[in-house]
Amino acid sequence: MLPTHAGSFRFFRFAGIQVYVHWSWFIVAFFEISTRRRNYESPVWNVAEYLALFLIVLLHEFGHSFACRQTGGKADEIVLWPLGGVAYVAPPMRPGATLWSIAAGPLVNVALVPVLFGLGWASARFGWTAQAPDLARFWYAISFVNGLLLVFNLLPIYPLDGGQILRSLLWFGVGRGRSLQIVTVIGFAGVAGLLGLALWRQSIWIGIMALFLGQRCMLSYRESQALRVLARLPRHTGFRCPSCREAPPGGPIWLCANCGNHFDAFSTRAVCPHCQAVQPLVTCAHCGTQHEFARWEAGPHRGPGDPRVIDV
């Protein structure tokens, strides 16, 4: 289950991107800050450390969003929750656009490595850490957390960044459905490893993360099966989606909003053959966007992509 606006509140808006924070983030923040009081002489540094973590995750998500916009995609929402963040992005339906939208998040963490190292070096060089030992612990903790998030997110477990990057690379060679199937199978192995690590370390957080990723892998595996079935269907080559330019499949896969029966919207020009109701919008079976029937144009088509990026 992905974090949604339910239970979240608007935090701020920047560059047209609305940031939401889930209420449970504050409970976890209080728990983490109170249990790490012994790390610093002053509790103020515990608060600063958690806020810095919040900022690192937020910058990571903005990296996804801005990269998606560079490809011509849509990105206007970010939701932060205790397990990380989700940037809701819709890149153009091409593997290259999806690859860049995903890879930009970890690249933000890579860019932060020399910045944090430089600040730590300057603190030591000018004697700030000698005067304030908590500052040295703070720079070390933030640098460690940034590196840990980078390494963890690059694990080839779908839907972490590493799994989605691998999926995008495979997509070039084996197609959308097959690439998703491969990375979800790899993801199941990774989830098993995380569960073993959670038992060994007796970590409830690693266990929760493993269960969440396992659920996402299962849903994505089912999606890959549906995509492979979709790819084998005949196409209405006289039409294309205004958003992804993919030709719609043939067959009774559209549901009439009036009578609830399935029919082929492109064989009947969006008129239900059961009740004669005209459908105001036709949903693209590939990218999920809805358009008036008159907007579906003839022409070449391209393959679709994924609608979101999930990070931890």
C-alpha atoms as a PDB file:
ATOM      1  CA  MET A   1       0.000   0.000   0.000  1.00  0.00           C
ATOM      2  CA  LEU A   2       1.450   3.377  -1.028  1.00  0.00           C
ATOM      3  CA  PRO A   3       1.164   6.527   1.083  1.00  0.00           C
ATOM      4  CA  THR A   4      -1.650   8.745  -0.157  1.00  0.00           C
ATOM      5  CA  HIS A   5      -3.189  12.055   0.815  1.00  0.00           C
ATOM      6  CA  ALA A   6      -5.321  10.197   3.383  1.00  0.00           C
ATOM      7  CA  GLY A   7      -3.781  10.967   6.743  1.00  0.00           C
ATOM      8  CA  SER A   8      -1.377  13.466   5.182  1.00  0.00           C
ATOM      9  CA  PHE A   9      -1.413  17.246   5.264  1.00  0.00           C
ATOM     10  CA  ARG A  10      -0.044  19.898   2.943  1.00  0.00           C
ATOM     11  CA  PHE A  11       3.395  21.000   4.129  1.00  0.00           C
ATOM     12  CA  PHE A  12       4.574  23.413   1.459  1.00  0.00           C
ATOM     13  CA  ARG A  13       4.654  23.964  -2.286  1.00  0.00           C
ATOM     14  CA  PHE A  14       7.798  24.574  -4.334  1.00  0.00           C
ATOM     15  CA  ALA A  15       8.199  24.960  -8.094  1.00  0.00           C
ATOM     16  CA  GLY A  16       4.654  23.714  -8.575  1.00  0.00           C
ATOM     17  CA  ILE A  17       5.280  20.552  -6.528  1.00  0.00           C
ATOM     18  CA  GLN A  18       3.058  20.029  -3.486  1.00  0.00           C
ATOM     19  CA  VAL A  19       4.745  18.278  -0.561  1.00  0.00           C
ATOM     20  CA  TYR A  20       2.602  16.252   1.852  1.00  0.00           C
ATOM     21  CA  VAL A  21       3.678  14.778   5.205  1.00  0.00           C
ATOM     22  CA  HIS A  22       1.890  11.806   6.762  1.00  0.00           C
ATOM     23  CA  TRP A  23       0.830  12.214  10.388  1.00  0.00           C
ATOM     24  CA  SER A  24       2.706   9.061  11.433  1.00  0.00           C
ATOM     25  CA  TRP A  25       5.993  10.741  10.468  1.00  0.00           C
ATOM     26  CA  PHE A  26       5.780  12.880  13.612  1.00  0.00           C
ATOM     27  CA  ILE A  27       5.192   9.859  15.871  1.00  0.00           C
ATOM     28  CA  VAL A  28       8.204   8.069  14.436  1.00  0.00           C
ATOM     29  CA  ALA A  29      10.245  11.288  14.643  1.00  0.00           C
ATOM     30  CA  PHE A  30       9.408  11.642  18.346  1.00  0.00           C
ATOM     31  CA  PHE A  31      10.311   7.996  18.963  1.00  0.00           C
ATOM     32  CA  GLU A  32      13.615   8.229  17.068  1.00  0.00           C
ATOM     33  CA  ILE A  33      14.639  11.507  18.689  1.00  0.00           C
ATOM     34  CA  SER A  34      13.812  10.343  22.209  1.00  0.00           C
ATOM     35  CA  THR A  35      15.632   6.999  21.841  1.00  0.00           C
ATOM     36  CA  ARG A  36      18.823   8.615  20.484  1.00  0.00           C
ATOM     37  CA  ARG A  37      19.260  11.201  23.224  1.00  0.00           C
ATOM     38  CA  ARG A  38      22.523   9.628  24.400  1.00  0.00           C
ATOM     39  CA  ASN A  39      24.206  10.244  21.038  1.00  0.00           C
ATOM     40  CA  TYR A  40      24.634  13.949  21.794  1.00  0.00           C
ATOM     41  CA  GLU A  41      25.278  16.077  24.845  1.00  0.00           C
ATOM     42  CA  SER A  42      22.435  18.397  23.833  1.00  0.00           C
ATOM     43  CA  PRO A  43      19.032  17.075  22.635  1.00  0.00           C
ATOM     44  CA  VAL A  44      18.923  19.910  20.098  1.00  0.00           C
ATOM     45  CA  TRP A  45      21.325  17.933  17.913  1.00  0.00           C
ATOM     46  CA  ASN A  46      18.955  14.948  17.904  1.00  0.00           C
ATOM     47  CA  VAL A  47      16.263  17.177  16.458  1.00  0.00           C
ATOM     48  CA  ALA A  48      18.732  18.662  13.955  1.00  0.00           C
ATOM     49  CA  GLU A  49      19.811  15.174  12.855  1.00  0.00           C
ATOM     50  CA  TYR A  50      16.251  14.043  12.161  1.00  0.00           C
ATOM     51  CA  LEU A  51      15.415  17.258  10.334  1.00  0.00           C
ATOM     52  CA  ALA A  52      18.550  16.778   8.214  1.00  0.00           C
ATOM     53  CA  LEU A  53      17.345  13.272   7.355  1.00  0.00           C
ATOM     54  CA  PHE A  54      13.991  14.786   6.385  1.00  0.00           C
ATOM     55  CA  LEU A  55      15.800  17.253   4.111  1.00  0.00           C
ATOM     56  CA  ILE A  56      17.940  14.556   2.452  1.00  0.00           C
ATOM     57  CA  VAL A  57      14.873  12.448   1.628  1.00  0.00           C
ATOM     58  CA  LEU A  58      13.065  15.529   0.350  1.00  0.00           C
ATOM     59  CA  LEU A  59      15.953  16.517  -1.929  1.00  0.00           C
ATOM     60  CA  HIS A  60      16.031  12.953  -3.249  1.00  0.00           C
ATOM     61  CA  GLU A  61      12.342  13.132  -4.148  1.00  0.00           C
ATOM     62  CA  PHE A  62      12.737  16.531  -5.792  1.00  0.00           C
ATOM     63  CA  GLY A  63      15.513  14.983  -7.870  1.00  0.00           C
ATOM     64  CA  HIS A  64      13.002  12.482  -9.248  1.00  0.00           C
ATOM     65  CA  SER A  65      10.418  15.182  -9.878  1.00  0.00           C
ATOM     66  CA  PHE A  66      12.678  17.671 -11.661  1.00  0.00           C
ATOM     67  CA  ALA A  67      14.229  14.930 -13.819  1.00  0.00           C
ATOM     68  CA  CYS A  68      10.766  13.743 -14.825  1.00  0.00           C
ATOM     69  CA  ARG A  69       9.864  17.268 -15.883  1.00  0.00           C
ATOM     70  CA  GLN A  70      13.055  17.453 -17.959  1.00  0.00           C
ATOM     71  CA  THR A  71      11.785  14.521 -19.998  1.00  0.00           C
ATOM     72  CA  GLY A  72       8.455  16.265 -20.588  1.00  0.00           C
ATOM     73  CA  GLY A  73       6.588  14.292 -17.934  1.00  0.00           C
ATOM     74  CA  LYS A  74       4.302  15.359 -15.111  1.00  0.00           C
ATOM     75  CA  ALA A  75       5.494  15.633 -11.498  1.00  0.00           C
ATOM     76  CA  ASP A  76       3.566  17.699  -8.978  1.00  0.00           C
ATOM     77  CA  GLU A  77       3.272  15.701  -5.742  1.00  0.00           C
ATOM     78  CA  ILE A  78       5.578  14.261  -3.078  1.00  0.00           C
ATOM     79  CA  VAL A  79       4.409  12.367   0.009  1.00  0.00           C
ATOM     80  CA  LEU A  80       6.780  11.852   2.942  1.00  0.00           C
ATOM     81  CA  TRP A  81       6.094   9.078   5.438  1.00  0.00           C
ATOM     82  CA  PRO A  82       8.105   7.136   8.078  1.00  0.00           C
ATOM     83  CA  LEU A  83       9.540   4.634   5.583  1.00  0.00           C
ATOM     84  CA  GLY A  84      10.797   7.337   3.239  1.00  0.00           C
ATOM     85  CA  GLY A  85       9.092   9.219   0.435  1.00  0.00           C
ATOM     86  CA  VAL A  86       7.157   8.809  -2.770  1.00  0.00           C
ATOM     87  CA  ALA A  87       7.473  11.143  -5.735  1.00  0.00           C
ATOM     88  CA  TYR A  88       4.383  10.815  -7.899  1.00  0.00           C
ATOM     89  CA  VAL A  89       5.765  11.258 -11.388  1.00  0.00           C
ATOM     90  CA  ALA A  90       4.539  10.369 -14.858  1.00  0.00           C
ATOM     91  CA  PRO A  91       7.432  10.433 -17.344  1.00  0.00           C
ATOM     92  CA  PRO A  92       6.832   9.982 -21.066  1.00  0.00           C
ATOM     93  CA  MET A  93       6.147   6.348 -21.819  1.00  0.00           C
ATOM     94  CA  ARG A  94       9.686   5.422 -22.855  1.00  0.00           C
ATOM     95  CA  PRO A  95      12.318   3.406 -20.981  1.00  0.00           C
ATOM     96  CA  GLY A  96      14.904   6.175 -21.365  1.00  0.00           C
ATOM     97  CA  ALA A  97      12.639   8.801 -19.815  1.00  0.00           C
ATOM     98  CA  THR A  98      11.742   6.468 -16.974  1.00  0.00           C
ATOM     99  CA  LEU A  99      15.404   5.595 -16.401  1.00  0.00           C
ATOM    100  CA  TRP A 100      16.422   9.249 -16.029  1.00  0.00           C
ATOM    101  CA  SER A 101      13.447  10.043 -13.773  1.00  0.00           C
ATOM    102  CA  ILE A 102      14.471   7.231 -11.424  1.00  0.00           C
ATOM    103  CA  ALA A 103      18.253   7.597 -11.544  1.00  0.00           C
ATOM    104  CA  ALA A 104      18.113  11.316 -10.689  1.00  0.00           C
ATOM    105  CA  GLY A 105      17.047  10.540  -7.106  1.00  0.00           C
ATOM    106  CA  PRO A 106      20.177   8.543  -6.145  1.00  0.00           C
ATOM    107  CA  LEU A 107      22.312  11.044  -8.061  1.00  0.00           C
ATOM    108  CA  VAL A 108      21.204  13.686  -5.550  1.00  0.00           C
ATOM    109  CA  ASN A 109      22.641  11.515  -2.759  1.00  0.00           C
ATOM    110  CA  VAL A 110      25.832  11.076  -4.773  1.00  0.00           C
ATOM    111  CA  ALA A 111      26.110  14.865  -5.140  1.00  0.00           C
ATOM    112  CA  LEU A 112      25.641  15.277  -1.378  1.00  0.00           C
ATOM    113  CA  VAL A 113      28.649  13.052  -0.584  1.00  0.00           C
ATOM    114  CA  PRO A 114      31.352  15.654  -1.421  1.00  0.00           C
ATOM    115  CA  VAL A 115      29.217  18.450   0.056  1.00  0.00           C
ATOM    116  CA  LEU A 116      28.880  16.698   3.427  1.00  0.00           C
ATOM    117  CA  PHE A 117      32.523  15.623   3.341  1.00  0.00           C
ATOM    118  CA  GLY A 118      33.596  19.209   2.631  1.00  0.00           C
ATOM    119  CA  LEU A 119      31.505  20.599   5.488  1.00  0.00           C
ATOM    120  CA  GLY A 120      32.918  17.993   7.848  1.00  0.00           C
ATOM    121  CA  TRP A 121      36.467  18.776   6.737  1.00  0.00           C
ATOM    122  CA  ALA A 122      35.922  22.522   7.138  1.00  0.00           C
ATOM    123  CA  SER A 123      34.488  22.001  10.629  1.00  0.00           C
ATOM    124  CA  ALA A 124      37.602  20.097  11.670  1.00  0.00           C
ATOM    125  CA  ARG A 125      39.992  22.404   9.807  1.00  0.00           C
ATOM    126  CA  PHE A 126      38.730  25.581  11.484  1.00  0.00           C
ATOM    127  CA  GLY A 127      38.326  24.010  14.905  1.00  0.00           C
ATOM    128  CA  TRP A 128      34.542  24.098  15.071  1.00  0.00           C
ATOM    129  CA  THR A 129      34.266  20.431  16.023  1.00  0.00           C
ATOM    130  CA  ALA A 130      36.876  20.869  18.783  1.00  0.00           C
ATOM    131  CA  GLN A 131      34.762  23.604  20.304  1.00  0.00           C
ATOM    132  CA  ALA A 132      31.502  21.691  19.762  1.00  0.00           C
ATOM    133  CA  PRO A 133      32.016  17.884  19.828  1.00  0.00           C
ATOM    134  CA  ASP A 134      28.337  17.370  19.010  1.00  0.00           C
ATOM    135  CA  LEU A 135      28.949  19.015  15.638  1.00  0.00           C
ATOM    136  CA  ALA A 136      31.468  16.329  14.694  1.00  0.00           C
ATOM    137  CA  ARG A 137      29.007  13.593  15.655  1.00  0.00           C
ATOM    138  CA  PHE A 138      26.317  15.379  13.660  1.00  0.00           C
ATOM    139  CA  TRP A 139      28.359  15.555  10.429  1.00  0.00           C
ATOM    140  CA  TYR A 140      29.360  11.921  10.799  1.00  0.00           C
ATOM    141  CA  ALA A 141      25.747  10.801  11.390  1.00  0.00           C
ATOM    142  CA  ILE A 142      24.382  12.775   8.431  1.00  0.00           C
ATOM    143  CA  SER A 143      27.114  11.528   6.096  1.00  0.00           C
ATOM    144  CA  PHE A 144      26.492   7.958   7.230  1.00  0.00           C
ATOM    145  CA  VAL A 145      22.720   8.253   6.767  1.00  0.00           C
ATOM    146  CA  ASN A 146      23.107   9.755   3.290  1.00  0.00           C
ATOM    147  CA  GLY A 147      25.443   6.931   2.256  1.00  0.00           C
ATOM    148  CA  LEU A 148      23.171   4.305   3.795  1.00  0.00           C
ATOM    149  CA  LEU A 149      20.120   5.654   1.955  1.00  0.00           C
ATOM    150  CA  LEU A 150      22.092   5.696  -1.293  1.00  0.00           C
ATOM    151  CA  VAL A 151      23.270   2.092  -0.950  1.00  0.00           C
ATOM    152  CA  PHE A 152      19.897   0.801   0.263  1.00  0.00           C
ATOM    153  CA  ASN A 153      17.935   2.517  -2.505  1.00  0.00           C
ATOM    154  CA  LEU A 154      20.248   1.025  -5.133  1.00  0.00           C
ATOM    155  CA  LEU A 155      19.510  -2.549  -4.047  1.00  0.00           C
ATOM    156  CA  PRO A 156      17.948  -4.389  -7.023  1.00  0.00           C
ATOM    157  CA  ILE A 157      14.659  -4.882  -5.167  1.00  0.00           C
ATOM    158  CA  TYR A 158      11.571  -3.566  -6.918  1.00  0.00           C
ATOM    159  CA  PRO A 159      10.246  -0.912  -6.374  1.00  0.00           C
ATOM    160  CA  LEU A 160      13.408   0.608  -4.849  1.00  0.00           C
ATOM    161  CA  ASP A 161      15.405   2.803  -7.200  1.00  0.00           C
ATOM    162  CA  GLY A 162      17.874   0.019  -7.924  1.00  0.00           C
ATOM    163  CA  GLY A 163      15.087  -2.334  -8.968  1.00  0.00           C
ATOM    164  CA  GLN A 164      13.447   0.303 -11.147  1.00  0.00           C
ATOM    165  CA  ILE A 165      16.758   1.261 -12.765  1.00  0.00           C
ATOM    166  CA  LEU A 166      17.372  -2.402 -13.577  1.00  0.00           C
ATOM    167  CA  ARG A 167      13.828  -2.691 -14.927  1.00  0.00           C
ATOM    168  CA  SER A 168      14.329   0.344 -17.192  1.00  0.00           C
ATOM    169  CA  LEU A 169      17.579  -1.075 -18.583  1.00  0.00           C
ATOM    170  CA  LEU A 170      15.954  -4.455 -19.258  1.00  0.00           C
ATOM    171  CA  TRP A 171      12.981  -2.711 -20.824  1.00  0.00           C
ATOM    172  CA  PHE A 172      15.186  -1.631 -23.759  1.00  0.00           C
ATOM    173  CA  GLY A 173      15.824  -5.281 -24.644  1.00  0.00           C
ATOM    174  CA  VAL A 174      12.925  -7.428 -23.451  1.00  0.00           C
ATOM    175  CA  GLY A 175       9.970  -5.046 -23.281  1.00  0.00           C
ATOM    176  CA  ARG A 176       7.840  -3.525 -20.570  1.00  0.00           C
ATOM    177  CA  GLY A 177       6.033  -6.589 -19.225  1.00  0.00           C
ATOM    178  CA  ARG A 178       8.949  -9.029 -19.322  1.00  0.00           C
ATOM    179  CA  SER A 179      11.342  -6.554 -17.673  1.00  0.00           C
ATOM    180  CA  LEU A 180       8.891  -5.979 -14.810  1.00  0.00           C
ATOM    181  CA  GLN A 181       8.481  -9.726 -14.347  1.00  0.00           C
ATOM    182  CA  ILE A 182      12.245 -10.279 -14.128  1.00  0.00           C
ATOM    183  CA  VAL A 183      12.898  -7.560 -11.556  1.00  0.00           C
ATOM    184  CA  THR A 184       9.995  -8.626  -9.345  1.00  0.00           C
ATOM    185  CA  VAL A 185      11.362 -12.187  -9.224  1.00  0.00           C
ATOM    186  CA  ILE A 186      14.757 -10.747  -8.246  1.00  0.00           C
ATOM    187  CA  GLY A 187      12.929  -8.563  -5.753  1.00  0.00           C
ATOM    188  CA  PHE A 188      11.372 -11.572  -4.017  1.00  0.00           C
ATOM    189  CA  ALA A 189      14.871 -12.932  -3.391  1.00  0.00           C
ATOM    190  CA  GLY A 190      15.915  -9.555  -1.986  1.00  0.00           C
ATOM    191  CA  VAL A 191      12.875  -9.441   0.275  1.00  0.00           C
ATOM    192  CA  ALA A 192      13.745 -12.886   1.628  1.00  0.00           C
ATOM    193  CA  GLY A 193      17.226 -11.592   2.394  1.00  0.00           C
ATOM    194  CA  LEU A 194      15.830  -8.552   4.213  1.00  0.00           C
ATOM    195  CA  LEU A 195      13.523 -10.755   6.282  1.00  0.00           C
ATOM    196  CA  GLY A 196      16.518 -12.881   7.275  1.00  0.00           C
ATOM    197  CA  LEU A 197      18.437  -9.728   8.204  1.00  0.00           C
ATOM    198  CA  ALA A 198      15.476  -8.470  10.253  1.00  0.00           C
ATOM    199  CA  LEU A 199      15.388 -11.729  12.231  1.00  0.00           C
ATOM    200  CA  TRP A 200      19.144 -11.724  12.736  1.00  0.00           C
ATOM    201  CA  ARG A 201      19.251  -8.089  13.864  1.00  0.00           C
ATOM    202  CA  GLN A 202      15.871  -8.356  15.600  1.00  0.00           C
ATOM    203  CA  SER A 203      14.881  -5.150  13.813  1.00  0.00           C
ATOM    204  CA  ILE A 204      11.186  -4.388  13.533  1.00  0.00           C
ATOM    205  CA  TRP A 205      11.870  -1.579  11.028  1.00  0.00           C
ATOM    206  CA  ILE A 206      13.746  -3.831   8.613  1.00  0.00           C
ATOM    207  CA  GLY A 207      10.943  -6.370   8.969  1.00  0.00           C
ATOM    208  CA  ILE A 208       8.266  -3.780   8.179  1.00  0.00           C
ATOM    209  CA  MET A 209      10.276  -2.587   5.191  1.00  0.00           C
ATOM    210  CA  ALA A 210      10.694  -6.153   3.913  1.00  0.00           C
ATOM    211  CA  LEU A 211       6.947  -6.816   4.191  1.00  0.00           C
ATOM    212  CA  PHE A 212       6.133  -3.566   2.390  1.00  0.00           C
ATOM    213  CA  LEU A 213       8.553  -4.341  -0.445  1.00  0.00           C
ATOM    214  CA  GLY A 214       7.235  -7.902  -0.641  1.00  0.00           C
ATOM    215  CA  GLN A 215       3.700  -6.592  -1.072  1.00  0.00           C
ATOM    216  CA  ARG A 216       4.835  -4.229  -3.813  1.00  0.00           C
ATOM    217  CA  CYS A 217       6.717  -7.043  -5.569  1.00  0.00           C
ATOM    218  CA  MET A 218       3.608  -9.235  -5.524  1.00  0.00           C
ATOM    219  CA  LEU A 219       1.411  -6.485  -6.975  1.00  0.00           C
ATOM    220  CA  SER A 220       4.034  -5.654  -9.607  1.00  0.00           C
ATOM    221  CA  TYR A 221       4.397  -9.307 -10.577  1.00  0.00           C
ATOM    222  CA  ARG A 222       0.647  -9.503 -11.196  1.00  0.00           C
ATOM    223  CA  GLU A 223       0.899  -6.302 -13.196  1.00  0.00           C
ATOM    224  CA  SER A 224       3.684  -7.808 -15.313  1.00  0.00           C
ATOM    225  CA  GLN A 225       1.465 -10.790 -16.113  1.00  0.00           C
ATOM    226  CA  ALA A 226      -1.332  -8.455 -17.202  1.00  0.00           C
ATOM    227  CA  LEU A 227       1.098  -6.419 -19.326  1.00  0.00           C
ATOM    228  CA  ARG A 228       2.332  -9.526 -21.112  1.00  0.00           C
ATOM    229  CA  VAL A 229      -1.252 -10.553 -21.881  1.00  0.00           C
ATOM    230  CA  LEU A 230      -1.954  -7.006 -23.067  1.00  0.00           C
ATOM    231  CA  ALA A 231       1.068  -7.074 -25.374  1.00  0.00           C
ATOM    232  CA  ARG A 232      -0.249 -10.181 -27.145  1.00  0.00           C
ATOM    233  CA  LEU A 233      -3.638  -8.668 -27.968  1.00  0.00           C
ATOM    234  CA  PRO A 234      -4.333  -7.348 -31.502  1.00  0.00           C
ATOM    235  CA  ARG A 235      -4.187  -3.580 -31.910  1.00  0.00           C
ATOM    236  CA  HIS A 236      -6.476  -0.938 -33.335  1.00  0.00           C
ATOM    237  CA  THR A 237      -3.708   0.578 -35.462  1.00  0.00           C
ATOM    238  CA  GLY A 238      -5.978   3.353 -36.679  1.00  0.00           C
ATOM    239  CA  PHE A 239      -5.878   5.029 -33.251  1.00  0.00           C
ATOM    240  CA  ARG A 240      -3.261   6.128 -30.745  1.00  0.00           C
ATOM    241  CA  CYS A 241      -3.378   7.463 -27.194  1.00  0.00           C
ATOM    242  CA  PRO A 242      -2.867  11.258 -27.039  1.00  0.00           C
ATOM    243  CA  SER A 243      -0.566  10.776 -24.026  1.00  0.00           C
ATOM    244  CA  CYS A 244       1.600   7.708 -24.688  1.00  0.00           C
ATOM    245  CA  ARG A 245       0.980   7.284 -28.453  1.00  0.00           C
ATOM    246  CA  GLU A 246       0.332   3.578 -27.934  1.00  0.00           C
ATOM    247  CA  ALA A 247      -2.247   1.893 -30.180  1.00  0.00           C
ATOM    248  CA  PRO A 248      -5.169   0.558 -28.106  1.00  0.00           C
ATOM    249  CA  PRO A 249      -5.620  -3.222 -27.879  1.00  0.00           C
ATOM    250  CA  GLY A 250      -8.606  -4.963 -29.387  1.00  0.00           C
ATOM    251  CA  GLY A 251     -11.120  -6.857 -27.272  1.00  0.00           C
ATOM    252  CA  PRO A 252     -13.865  -6.276 -24.690  1.00  0.00           C
ATOM    253  CA  ILE A 253     -11.654  -4.725 -22.014  1.00  0.00           C
ATOM    254  CA  TRP A 254     -13.516  -1.434 -21.474  1.00  0.00           C
ATOM    255  CA  LEU A 255     -16.269  -1.203 -18.883  1.00  0.00           C
ATOM    256  CA  CYS A 256     -19.455   0.707 -19.695  1.00  0.00           C
ATOM    257  CA  ALA A 257     -20.035   3.424 -17.087  1.00  0.00           C
ATOM    258  CA  ASN A 258     -23.800   3.085 -17.580  1.00  0.00           C
ATOM    259  CA  CYS A 259     -24.621  -0.653 -17.601  1.00  0.00           C
ATOM    260  CA  GLY A 260     -21.379  -2.213 -16.346  1.00  0.00           C
ATOM    261  CA  ASN A 261     -20.844  -4.531 -19.330  1.00  0.00           C
ATOM    262  CA  HIS A 262     -17.503  -4.961 -21.090  1.00  0.00           C
ATOM    263  CA  PHE A 263     -17.067  -3.996 -24.735  1.00  0.00           C
ATOM    264  CA  ASP A 264     -14.454  -2.924 -27.285  1.00  0.00           C
ATOM    265  CA  ALA A 265     -14.588   0.875 -27.246  1.00  0.00           C
ATOM    266  CA  PHE A 266     -12.723   1.255 -30.526  1.00  0.00           C
ATOM    267  CA  SER A 267     -14.854  -1.198 -32.468  1.00  0.00           C
ATOM    268  CA  THR A 268     -18.021   0.693 -31.531  1.00  0.00           C
ATOM    269  CA  ARG A 269     -16.554   4.226 -31.424  1.00  0.00           C
ATOM    270  CA  ALA A 270     -17.081   4.498 -27.655  1.00  0.00           C
ATOM    271  CA  VAL A 271     -20.752   3.471 -27.841  1.00  0.00           C
ATOM    272  CA  CYS A 272     -21.743   0.583 -25.553  1.00  0.00           C
ATOM    273  CA  PRO A 273     -23.421  -2.110 -27.700  1.00  0.00           C
ATOM    274  CA  HIS A 274     -25.461  -3.312 -24.706  1.00  0.00           C
ATOM    275  CA  CYS A 275     -27.169  -0.070 -23.645  1.00  0.00           C
ATOM    276  CA  GLN A 276     -26.199   2.324 -26.479  1.00  0.00           C
ATOM    277  CA  ALA A 277     -24.658   4.765 -23.983  1.00  0.00           C
ATOM    278  CA  VAL A 278     -21.881   6.964 -25.346  1.00  0.00           C
ATOM    279  CA  GLN A 279     -18.810   6.875 -23.134  1.00  0.00           C
ATOM    280  CA  PRO A 280     -17.600  10.433 -22.405  1.00  0.00           C
ATOM    281  CA  LEU A 281     -14.003   9.288 -21.819  1.00  0.00           C
ATOM    282  CA  VAL A 282     -11.964   6.306 -23.000  1.00  0.00           C
ATOM    283  CA  THR A 283      -9.171   5.043 -20.743  1.00  0.00           C
ATOM    284  CA  CYS A 284      -5.826   4.078 -22.256  1.00  0.00           C
ATOM    285  CA  ALA A 285      -5.060   0.456 -21.376  1.00  0.00           C
ATOM    286  CA  HIS A 286      -1.326   1.236 -21.334  1.00  0.00           C
ATOM    287  CA  CYS A 287      -0.810   4.478 -19.440  1.00  0.00           C
ATOM    288  CA  GLY A 288      -4.168   4.850 -17.667  1.00  0.00           C
ATOM    289  CA  THR A 289      -4.967   8.344 -18.939  1.00  0.00           C
ATOM    290  CA  GLN A 290      -8.505   9.198 -20.055  1.00  0.00           C
ATOM    291  CA  HIS A 291      -9.415  11.092 -23.199  1.00  0.00           C
ATOM    292  CA  GLU A 292     -12.455  11.897 -25.277  1.00  0.00           C
ATOM    293  CA  PHE A 293     -12.803   9.440 -28.154  1.00  0.00           C
ATOM    294  CA  ALA A 294     -12.335  12.214 -30.718  1.00  0.00           C
ATOM    295  CA  ARG A 295      -8.835  12.904 -29.361  1.00  0.00           C
ATOM    296  CA  TRP A 296      -7.561   9.403 -30.213  1.00  0.00           C
ATOM    297  CA  GLU A 297      -5.580   9.971 -33.397  1.00  0.00           C
ATOM    298  CA  ALA A 298      -4.106   7.775 -36.076  1.00  0.00           C
ATOM    299  CA  GLY A 299      -0.325   7.433 -36.260  1.00  0.00           C
ATOM    300  CA  PRO A 300       2.777   5.642 -34.906  1.00  0.00           C
ATOM    301  CA  HIS A 301       2.938   4.578 -31.273  1.00  0.00           C
ATOM    302  CA  ARG A 302       5.526   4.133 -28.556  1.00  0.00           C
ATOM    303  CA  GLY A 303       5.693   1.856 -25.522  1.00  0.00           C
ATOM    304  CA  PRO A 304       4.430   3.060 -22.128  1.00  0.00           C
ATOM    305  CA  GLY A 305       6.155   3.509 -18.745  1.00  0.00           C
ATOM    306  CA  ASP A 306       5.533   3.545 -14.978  1.00  0.00           C
ATOM    307  CA  PRO A 307       3.421   6.204 -13.179  1.00  0.00           C
ATOM    308  CA  ARG A 308       5.364   6.529  -9.899  1.00  0.00           C
ATOM    309  CA  VAL A 309       8.724   6.346  -8.218  1.00  0.00           C
ATOM    310  CA  ILE A 310       8.995   4.820  -4.708  1.00  0.00           C
ATOM    311  CA  ASP A 311      11.821   5.440  -2.488  1.00  0.00           C
ATOM    312  CA  VAL A 312      12.830   4.510   0.934  1.00  0.00           C
END
